[in-house]
């Protein structure tokens, strides 16, 4: 139940449209719904402004289906991350609105009309190999009602590609920069824009990249001011933070 539906429920009780007992039945699953294998947090949006998001990795198709079927009853937009094509096949029939984003590995179901801030979020990647993380960030930002500007494959090996897009990148209110290998791109962008920069290290790279650890450490030790860093391959976390900044 989101803030708007809770408000309508209280108004219905006050105006006598429904009884207190009927309202209690509607509220009995709060603050969470028990599914046996999962406890769905119904108060998440009331507390934080964003509904609960489903992390699909490690869940069975049956568990994912049960969770999504319950979330469909809440009236909120739905986002499930780290979803394989096989998992999507098991749940795609639960809603005509269910959309699978193959590169992002996400499922979205939109239930509410978006209200976009005037300012967009820019997503910048060093290389094409960073696309899965970048698209996870983009899909997350979009289902959270943000306009997204995409700038892909503009890494430091061909820095002129970044400069060509710099004017457009500067129009965003917050910039997500995604890079593997040595992870240098966020430091470069951080020195060129007057907006918050969220760095995302990826596990893309050769052996000494250590599955993203070298990029993570490089970003954490960046000399660019105003740079924050999320975990390796965490496009979702970066977009969540960016959405919060964009809507302040």
C-alpha atoms as a PDB file:
ATOM      1  CA  UNK A   1       0.000   0.000   0.000  1.00  0.00           C
ATOM      2  CA  UNK A   2       1.471   3.350  -1.032  1.00  0.00           C
ATOM      3  CA  UNK A   3       0.917   6.764   0.540  1.00  0.00           C
ATOM      4  CA  UNK A   4      -1.860   7.714  -1.850  1.00  0.00           C
ATOM      5  CA  UNK A   5      -3.866   4.507  -1.366  1.00  0.00           C
ATOM      6  CA  UNK A   6      -3.450   4.744   2.421  1.00  0.00           C
ATOM      7  CA  UNK A   7      -4.717   8.321   2.344  1.00  0.00           C
ATOM      8  CA  UNK A   8      -7.769   7.278   0.290  1.00  0.00           C
ATOM      9  CA  UNK A   9      -8.488   4.448   2.705  1.00  0.00           C
ATOM     10  CA  UNK A  10      -8.465   6.795   5.700  1.00  0.00           C
ATOM     11  CA  UNK A  11     -10.728   9.243   3.870  1.00  0.00           C
ATOM     12  CA  UNK A  12     -13.158   6.408   3.073  1.00  0.00           C
ATOM     13  CA  UNK A  13     -13.379   5.521   6.758  1.00  0.00           C
ATOM     14  CA  UNK A  14     -13.898   9.167   7.771  1.00  0.00           C
ATOM     15  CA  UNK A  15     -16.686   9.665   5.225  1.00  0.00           C
ATOM     16  CA  UNK A  16     -18.392   6.376   6.118  1.00  0.00           C
ATOM     17  CA  UNK A  17     -17.835   4.773   2.704  1.00  0.00           C
ATOM     18  CA  UNK A  18     -16.352   1.725   4.410  1.00  0.00           C
ATOM     19  CA  UNK A  19     -16.549   0.509   7.991  1.00  0.00           C
ATOM     20  CA  UNK A  20     -13.699   0.287  10.463  1.00  0.00           C
ATOM     21  CA  UNK A  21     -13.854  -3.515  10.243  1.00  0.00           C
ATOM     22  CA  UNK A  22     -13.546  -3.400   6.463  1.00  0.00           C
ATOM     23  CA  UNK A  23     -10.580  -1.036   6.739  1.00  0.00           C
ATOM     24  CA  UNK A  24      -8.953  -3.368   9.253  1.00  0.00           C
ATOM     25  CA  UNK A  25      -9.238  -6.262   6.811  1.00  0.00           C
ATOM     26  CA  UNK A  26      -7.502  -4.184   4.163  1.00  0.00           C
ATOM     27  CA  UNK A  27      -4.737  -3.244   6.607  1.00  0.00           C
ATOM     28  CA  UNK A  28      -4.246  -6.638   8.205  1.00  0.00           C
ATOM     29  CA  UNK A  29      -1.232  -7.482   6.052  1.00  0.00           C
ATOM     30  CA  UNK A  30       0.595  -4.375   7.229  1.00  0.00           C
ATOM     31  CA  UNK A  31       3.426  -3.815   7.906  1.00  0.00           C
ATOM     32  CA  UNK A  32       4.380  -6.908   5.891  1.00  0.00           C
ATOM     33  CA  UNK A  33       2.776  -9.840   4.120  1.00  0.00           C
ATOM     34  CA  UNK A  34       3.945 -13.332   5.066  1.00  0.00           C
ATOM     35  CA  UNK A  35       4.385 -15.642   2.066  1.00  0.00           C
ATOM     36  CA  UNK A  36       6.294 -18.332   3.926  1.00  0.00           C
ATOM     37  CA  UNK A  37       9.478 -17.952   1.854  1.00  0.00           C
ATOM     38  CA  UNK A  38       9.337 -14.131   1.829  1.00  0.00           C
ATOM     39  CA  UNK A  39       8.041 -11.258   3.922  1.00  0.00           C
ATOM     40  CA  UNK A  40       6.853  -8.447   1.639  1.00  0.00           C
ATOM     41  CA  UNK A  41       7.467  -5.016   3.157  1.00  0.00           C
ATOM     42  CA  UNK A  42       4.213  -3.082   2.653  1.00  0.00           C
ATOM     43  CA  UNK A  43       5.479  -0.011   4.518  1.00  0.00           C
ATOM     44  CA  UNK A  44       8.586   0.536   2.399  1.00  0.00           C
ATOM     45  CA  UNK A  45       7.094   3.291   0.248  1.00  0.00           C
ATOM     46  CA  UNK A  46       5.465   4.981   3.258  1.00  0.00           C
ATOM     47  CA  UNK A  47       8.876   5.157   4.962  1.00  0.00           C
ATOM     48  CA  UNK A  48      11.201   5.834   2.050  1.00  0.00           C
ATOM     49  CA  UNK A  49       9.105   7.026  -0.896  1.00  0.00           C
ATOM     50  CA  UNK A  50       9.967   3.937  -2.971  1.00  0.00           C
ATOM     51  CA  UNK A  51       8.232   0.537  -2.943  1.00  0.00           C
ATOM     52  CA  UNK A  52      10.103  -2.688  -2.272  1.00  0.00           C
ATOM     53  CA  UNK A  53      12.207  -3.974  -5.170  1.00  0.00           C
ATOM     54  CA  UNK A  54      12.665  -7.696  -5.863  1.00  0.00           C
ATOM     55  CA  UNK A  55      16.209  -9.070  -6.126  1.00  0.00           C
ATOM     56  CA  UNK A  56      15.733 -12.119  -8.322  1.00  0.00           C
ATOM     57  CA  UNK A  57      19.107 -13.832  -8.052  1.00  0.00           C
ATOM     58  CA  UNK A  58      18.862 -17.026  -6.013  1.00  0.00           C
ATOM     59  CA  UNK A  59      15.062 -17.185  -6.078  1.00  0.00           C
ATOM     60  CA  UNK A  60      13.215 -20.016  -7.789  1.00  0.00           C
ATOM     61  CA  UNK A  61      10.732 -19.195 -10.574  1.00  0.00           C
ATOM     62  CA  UNK A  62       7.910 -20.258  -8.247  1.00  0.00           C
ATOM     63  CA  UNK A  63       9.101 -17.942  -5.481  1.00  0.00           C
ATOM     64  CA  UNK A  64       9.523 -15.050  -7.908  1.00  0.00           C
ATOM     65  CA  UNK A  65       6.042 -15.636  -9.318  1.00  0.00           C
ATOM     66  CA  UNK A  66       4.456 -15.660  -5.866  1.00  0.00           C
ATOM     67  CA  UNK A  67       6.183 -12.435  -4.875  1.00  0.00           C
ATOM     68  CA  UNK A  68       5.242 -10.631  -8.087  1.00  0.00           C
ATOM     69  CA  UNK A  69       1.638 -11.828  -7.904  1.00  0.00           C
ATOM     70  CA  UNK A  70       1.351 -10.348  -4.430  1.00  0.00           C
ATOM     71  CA  UNK A  71       3.006  -7.077  -5.448  1.00  0.00           C
ATOM     72  CA  UNK A  72       0.463  -6.735  -8.258  1.00  0.00           C
ATOM     73  CA  UNK A  73      -2.218  -6.332  -5.584  1.00  0.00           C
ATOM     74  CA  UNK A  74      -0.490  -3.273  -4.074  1.00  0.00           C
ATOM     75  CA  UNK A  75      -0.981  -0.944  -7.044  1.00  0.00           C
ATOM     76  CA  UNK A  76       2.693   0.072  -7.096  1.00  0.00           C
ATOM     77  CA  UNK A  77       5.135   0.005  -9.969  1.00  0.00           C
ATOM     78  CA  UNK A  78       7.165  -3.206  -9.825  1.00  0.00           C
ATOM     79  CA  UNK A  79      10.867  -3.722 -10.441  1.00  0.00           C
ATOM     80  CA  UNK A  80      12.671  -7.067 -10.250  1.00  0.00           C
ATOM     81  CA  UNK A  81      16.423  -7.172 -10.866  1.00  0.00           C
ATOM     82  CA  UNK A  82      18.885  -9.923 -11.830  1.00  0.00           C
ATOM     83  CA  UNK A  83      16.282 -11.910 -13.730  1.00  0.00           C
ATOM     84  CA  UNK A  84      17.353 -14.620 -16.191  1.00  0.00           C
ATOM     85  CA  UNK A  85      15.351 -15.330 -19.374  1.00  0.00           C
ATOM     86  CA  UNK A  86      14.299 -18.658 -17.825  1.00  0.00           C
ATOM     87  CA  UNK A  87      12.927 -16.885 -14.748  1.00  0.00           C
ATOM     88  CA  UNK A  88      10.995 -14.450 -16.935  1.00  0.00           C
ATOM     89  CA  UNK A  89       9.436 -17.324 -18.879  1.00  0.00           C
ATOM     90  CA  UNK A  90       7.975 -18.578 -15.616  1.00  0.00           C
ATOM     91  CA  UNK A  91       6.317 -15.280 -14.675  1.00  0.00           C
ATOM     92  CA  UNK A  92       5.583 -13.425 -17.929  1.00  0.00           C
ATOM     93  CA  UNK A  93       1.916 -14.473 -17.944  1.00  0.00           C
ATOM     94  CA  UNK A  94       1.081 -12.904 -14.566  1.00  0.00           C
ATOM     95  CA  UNK A  95       0.491  -9.501 -16.184  1.00  0.00           C
ATOM     96  CA  UNK A  96       0.062  -8.152 -19.706  1.00  0.00           C
ATOM     97  CA  UNK A  97       2.184  -5.183 -18.604  1.00  0.00           C
ATOM     98  CA  UNK A  98       5.186  -7.263 -17.554  1.00  0.00           C
ATOM     99  CA  UNK A  99       8.209  -6.199 -19.610  1.00  0.00           C
ATOM    100  CA  UNK A 100      11.545  -8.002 -19.693  1.00  0.00           C
ATOM    101  CA  UNK A 101      14.641  -5.886 -20.283  1.00  0.00           C
ATOM    102  CA  UNK A 102      17.112  -8.486 -21.525  1.00  0.00           C
ATOM    103  CA  UNK A 103      20.327  -6.457 -21.345  1.00  0.00           C
ATOM    104  CA  UNK A 104      19.427  -5.012 -17.934  1.00  0.00           C
ATOM    105  CA  UNK A 105      18.187  -8.417 -16.706  1.00  0.00           C
ATOM    106  CA  UNK A 106      15.154  -6.720 -15.147  1.00  0.00           C
ATOM    107  CA  UNK A 107      11.381  -7.053 -15.154  1.00  0.00           C
ATOM    108  CA  UNK A 108       9.230  -3.943 -14.843  1.00  0.00           C
ATOM    109  CA  UNK A 109       5.480  -3.578 -14.454  1.00  0.00           C
ATOM    110  CA  UNK A 110       4.189  -0.017 -14.506  1.00  0.00           C
ATOM    111  CA  UNK A 111       0.983   0.701 -12.621  1.00  0.00           C
ATOM    112  CA  UNK A 112       1.220   4.450 -11.968  1.00  0.00           C
ATOM    113  CA  UNK A 113       1.402   7.346 -14.391  1.00  0.00           C
ATOM    114  CA  UNK A 114       4.921   8.805 -14.198  1.00  0.00           C
ATOM    115  CA  UNK A 115       5.557  12.296 -12.864  1.00  0.00           C
ATOM    116  CA  UNK A 116       9.010  13.301 -14.063  1.00  0.00           C
ATOM    117  CA  UNK A 117      11.323  15.897 -12.492  1.00  0.00           C
ATOM    118  CA  UNK A 118      12.434  18.617 -14.883  1.00  0.00           C
ATOM    119  CA  UNK A 119      16.048  17.452 -14.676  1.00  0.00           C
ATOM    120  CA  UNK A 120      17.337  14.152 -16.120  1.00  0.00           C
ATOM    121  CA  UNK A 121      19.859  11.600 -14.890  1.00  0.00           C
ATOM    122  CA  UNK A 122      22.869  10.964 -17.141  1.00  0.00           C
ATOM    123  CA  UNK A 123      24.341   7.482 -17.405  1.00  0.00           C
ATOM    124  CA  UNK A 124      27.859   7.307 -18.820  1.00  0.00           C
ATOM    125  CA  UNK A 125      29.828   4.132 -19.548  1.00  0.00           C
ATOM    126  CA  UNK A 126      33.460   3.549 -20.366  1.00  0.00           C
ATOM    127  CA  UNK A 127      32.780   0.681 -22.757  1.00  0.00           C
ATOM    128  CA  UNK A 128      30.111  -1.404 -24.451  1.00  0.00           C
ATOM    129  CA  UNK A 129      30.915  -4.285 -22.090  1.00  0.00           C
ATOM    130  CA  UNK A 130      29.508  -2.173 -19.234  1.00  0.00           C
ATOM    131  CA  UNK A 131      26.041  -2.118 -20.851  1.00  0.00           C
ATOM    132  CA  UNK A 132      24.327  -4.695 -18.575  1.00  0.00           C
ATOM    133  CA  UNK A 133      25.134  -2.612 -15.484  1.00  0.00           C
ATOM    134  CA  UNK A 134      24.291   0.631 -17.294  1.00  0.00           C
ATOM    135  CA  UNK A 135      20.922  -0.664 -18.464  1.00  0.00           C
ATOM    136  CA  UNK A 136      20.099  -1.955 -14.973  1.00  0.00           C
ATOM    137  CA  UNK A 137      20.713   1.603 -13.777  1.00  0.00           C
ATOM    138  CA  UNK A 138      18.689   3.106 -16.629  1.00  0.00           C
ATOM    139  CA  UNK A 139      15.692   0.801 -16.183  1.00  0.00           C
ATOM    140  CA  UNK A 140      15.727   1.437 -12.425  1.00  0.00           C
ATOM    141  CA  UNK A 141      15.855   5.207 -12.860  1.00  0.00           C
ATOM    142  CA  UNK A 142      13.042   5.104 -15.425  1.00  0.00           C
ATOM    143  CA  UNK A 143      10.655   2.960 -13.342  1.00  0.00           C
ATOM    144  CA  UNK A 144      11.323   5.450 -10.514  1.00  0.00           C
ATOM    145  CA  UNK A 145      10.006   8.196 -12.846  1.00  0.00           C
ATOM    146  CA  UNK A 146      13.202   9.851 -14.070  1.00  0.00           C
ATOM    147  CA  UNK A 147      14.197  10.821 -17.583  1.00  0.00           C
ATOM    148  CA  UNK A 148      17.500   9.200 -18.511  1.00  0.00           C
ATOM    149  CA  UNK A 149      20.239  10.386 -20.881  1.00  0.00           C
ATOM    150  CA  UNK A 150      22.497   7.552 -22.114  1.00  0.00           C
ATOM    151  CA  UNK A 151      26.128   8.081 -23.141  1.00  0.00           C
ATOM    152  CA  UNK A 152      27.781   4.741 -23.815  1.00  0.00           C
ATOM    153  CA  UNK A 153      31.331   3.766 -24.807  1.00  0.00           C
ATOM    154  CA  UNK A 154      33.054   7.086 -24.034  1.00  0.00           C
ATOM    155  CA  UNK A 155      35.969   5.778 -21.951  1.00  0.00           C
ATOM    156  CA  UNK A 156      39.421   7.249 -21.415  1.00  0.00           C
ATOM    157  CA  UNK A 157      41.022   5.199 -24.203  1.00  0.00           C
ATOM    158  CA  UNK A 158      39.258   7.588 -26.617  1.00  0.00           C
ATOM    159  CA  UNK A 159      38.654  10.614 -24.410  1.00  0.00           C
ATOM    160  CA  UNK A 160      37.508  12.759 -27.353  1.00  0.00           C
ATOM    161  CA  UNK A 161      34.278  10.739 -27.357  1.00  0.00           C
ATOM    162  CA  UNK A 162      33.508  12.025 -23.855  1.00  0.00           C
ATOM    163  CA  UNK A 163      34.259  15.649 -24.736  1.00  0.00           C
ATOM    164  CA  UNK A 164      31.897  15.488 -27.713  1.00  0.00           C
ATOM    165  CA  UNK A 165      29.019  14.630 -25.331  1.00  0.00           C
ATOM    166  CA  UNK A 166      30.068  16.773 -22.380  1.00  0.00           C
ATOM    167  CA  UNK A 167      27.616  19.608 -23.014  1.00  0.00           C
ATOM    168  CA  UNK A 168      24.664  17.194 -22.919  1.00  0.00           C
ATOM    169  CA  UNK A 169      26.001  15.361 -19.859  1.00  0.00           C
ATOM    170  CA  UNK A 170      26.202  18.651 -17.972  1.00  0.00           C
ATOM    171  CA  UNK A 171      22.435  19.127 -18.395  1.00  0.00           C
ATOM    172  CA  UNK A 172      21.760  16.295 -15.944  1.00  0.00           C
ATOM    173  CA  UNK A 173      21.256  16.890 -12.239  1.00  0.00           C
ATOM    174  CA  UNK A 174      23.269  13.804 -11.312  1.00  0.00           C
ATOM    175  CA  UNK A 175      25.655  11.647 -13.346  1.00  0.00           C
ATOM    176  CA  UNK A 176      26.174   7.892 -12.998  1.00  0.00           C
ATOM    177  CA  UNK A 177      29.544   6.824 -14.417  1.00  0.00           C
ATOM    178  CA  UNK A 178      30.160   3.120 -15.006  1.00  0.00           C
ATOM    179  CA  UNK A 179      33.562   1.620 -15.765  1.00  0.00           C
ATOM    180  CA  UNK A 180      35.571  -1.571 -15.500  1.00  0.00           C
ATOM    181  CA  UNK A 181      39.273  -2.149 -16.187  1.00  0.00           C
ATOM    182  CA  UNK A 182      41.137   0.492 -14.109  1.00  0.00           C
ATOM    183  CA  UNK A 183      37.939   2.499 -13.458  1.00  0.00           C
ATOM    184  CA  UNK A 184      39.386   5.902 -14.408  1.00  0.00           C
ATOM    185  CA  UNK A 185      36.357   7.441 -16.131  1.00  0.00           C
ATOM    186  CA  UNK A 186      34.466   8.639 -12.987  1.00  0.00           C
ATOM    187  CA  UNK A 187      37.502  10.686 -11.896  1.00  0.00           C
ATOM    188  CA  UNK A 188      37.666  12.344 -15.316  1.00  0.00           C
ATOM    189  CA  UNK A 189      33.941  13.145 -15.370  1.00  0.00           C
ATOM    190  CA  UNK A 190      34.077  14.302 -11.744  1.00  0.00           C
ATOM    191  CA  UNK A 191      36.633  16.930 -12.726  1.00  0.00           C
ATOM    192  CA  UNK A 192      34.496  18.244 -15.589  1.00  0.00           C
ATOM    193  CA  UNK A 193      30.957  18.603 -14.199  1.00  0.00           C
ATOM    194  CA  UNK A 194      29.394  20.578 -11.331  1.00  0.00           C
ATOM    195  CA  UNK A 195      26.908  17.811 -10.440  1.00  0.00           C
ATOM    196  CA  UNK A 196      27.080  14.817  -8.084  1.00  0.00           C
ATOM    197  CA  UNK A 197      28.837  11.865  -9.717  1.00  0.00           C
ATOM    198  CA  UNK A 198      28.009   8.300  -8.671  1.00  0.00           C
ATOM    199  CA  UNK A 199      30.714   5.834  -9.716  1.00  0.00           C
ATOM    200  CA  UNK A 200      29.937   2.185 -10.456  1.00  0.00           C
ATOM    201  CA  UNK A 201      32.851  -0.228 -10.837  1.00  0.00           C
ATOM    202  CA  UNK A 202      32.156  -3.252 -13.019  1.00  0.00           C
ATOM    203  CA  UNK A 203      33.672  -6.721 -13.069  1.00  0.00           C
ATOM    204  CA  UNK A 204      34.789  -6.202 -16.683  1.00  0.00           C
ATOM    205  CA  UNK A 205      38.543  -6.532 -17.188  1.00  0.00           C
ATOM    206  CA  UNK A 206      41.528  -8.861 -17.388  1.00  0.00           C
ATOM    207  CA  UNK A 207      42.992 -10.823 -14.472  1.00  0.00           C
ATOM    208  CA  UNK A 208      44.478  -7.941 -12.486  1.00  0.00           C
ATOM    209  CA  UNK A 209      41.066  -6.315 -12.501  1.00  0.00           C
ATOM    210  CA  UNK A 210      40.129  -8.921  -9.854  1.00  0.00           C
ATOM    211  CA  UNK A 211      36.475  -9.022 -10.971  1.00  0.00           C
ATOM    212  CA  UNK A 212      36.068  -5.287 -10.398  1.00  0.00           C
ATOM    213  CA  UNK A 213      38.086  -4.864  -7.223  1.00  0.00           C
ATOM    214  CA  UNK A 214      40.805  -2.779  -8.863  1.00  0.00           C
ATOM    215  CA  UNK A 215      38.191  -0.460 -10.400  1.00  0.00           C
ATOM    216  CA  UNK A 216      36.415  -0.191  -7.041  1.00  0.00           C
ATOM    217  CA  UNK A 217      39.628   0.739  -5.207  1.00  0.00           C
ATOM    218  CA  UNK A 218      40.566   3.216  -7.926  1.00  0.00           C
ATOM    219  CA  UNK A 219      37.199   4.959  -7.605  1.00  0.00           C
ATOM    220  CA  UNK A 220      37.371   4.980  -3.809  1.00  0.00           C
ATOM    221  CA  UNK A 221      40.774   6.678  -3.967  1.00  0.00           C
ATOM    222  CA  UNK A 222      39.755   9.189  -6.637  1.00  0.00           C
ATOM    223  CA  UNK A 223      40.991  12.755  -6.235  1.00  0.00           C
ATOM    224  CA  UNK A 224      37.800  14.125  -7.873  1.00  0.00           C
ATOM    225  CA  UNK A 225      35.665  15.890  -5.270  1.00  0.00           C
ATOM    226  CA  UNK A 226      31.960  15.096  -5.010  1.00  0.00           C
ATOM    227  CA  UNK A 227      32.403  11.515  -6.171  1.00  0.00           C
ATOM    228  CA  UNK A 228      30.539   8.695  -4.415  1.00  0.00           C
ATOM    229  CA  UNK A 229      30.982   4.991  -5.123  1.00  0.00           C
ATOM    230  CA  UNK A 230      28.602   2.014  -4.992  1.00  0.00           C
ATOM    231  CA  UNK A 231      29.441  -1.677  -5.017  1.00  0.00           C
ATOM    232  CA  UNK A 232      30.753  -3.642  -8.002  1.00  0.00           C
ATOM    233  CA  UNK A 233      28.140  -4.061 -10.784  1.00  0.00           C
ATOM    234  CA  UNK A 234      25.498  -2.309  -8.644  1.00  0.00           C
ATOM    235  CA  UNK A 235      23.658  -0.332 -11.314  1.00  0.00           C
ATOM    236  CA  UNK A 236      20.468  -0.571  -9.266  1.00  0.00           C
ATOM    237  CA  UNK A 237      22.028   1.009  -6.192  1.00  0.00           C
ATOM    238  CA  UNK A 238      23.500   3.853  -8.213  1.00  0.00           C
ATOM    239  CA  UNK A 239      20.176   4.614  -9.883  1.00  0.00           C
ATOM    240  CA  UNK A 240      18.288   4.499  -6.577  1.00  0.00           C
ATOM    241  CA  UNK A 241      20.678   7.058  -5.094  1.00  0.00           C
ATOM    242  CA  UNK A 242      20.554   9.173  -8.251  1.00  0.00           C
ATOM    243  CA  UNK A 243      16.747   9.175  -8.211  1.00  0.00           C
ATOM    244  CA  UNK A 244      16.723  10.387  -4.609  1.00  0.00           C
ATOM    245  CA  UNK A 245      19.122  13.213  -5.514  1.00  0.00           C
ATOM    246  CA  UNK A 246      17.149  14.132  -8.633  1.00  0.00           C
ATOM    247  CA  UNK A 247      13.915  14.456  -6.646  1.00  0.00           C
ATOM    248  CA  UNK A 248      15.222  16.490  -3.711  1.00  0.00           C
END
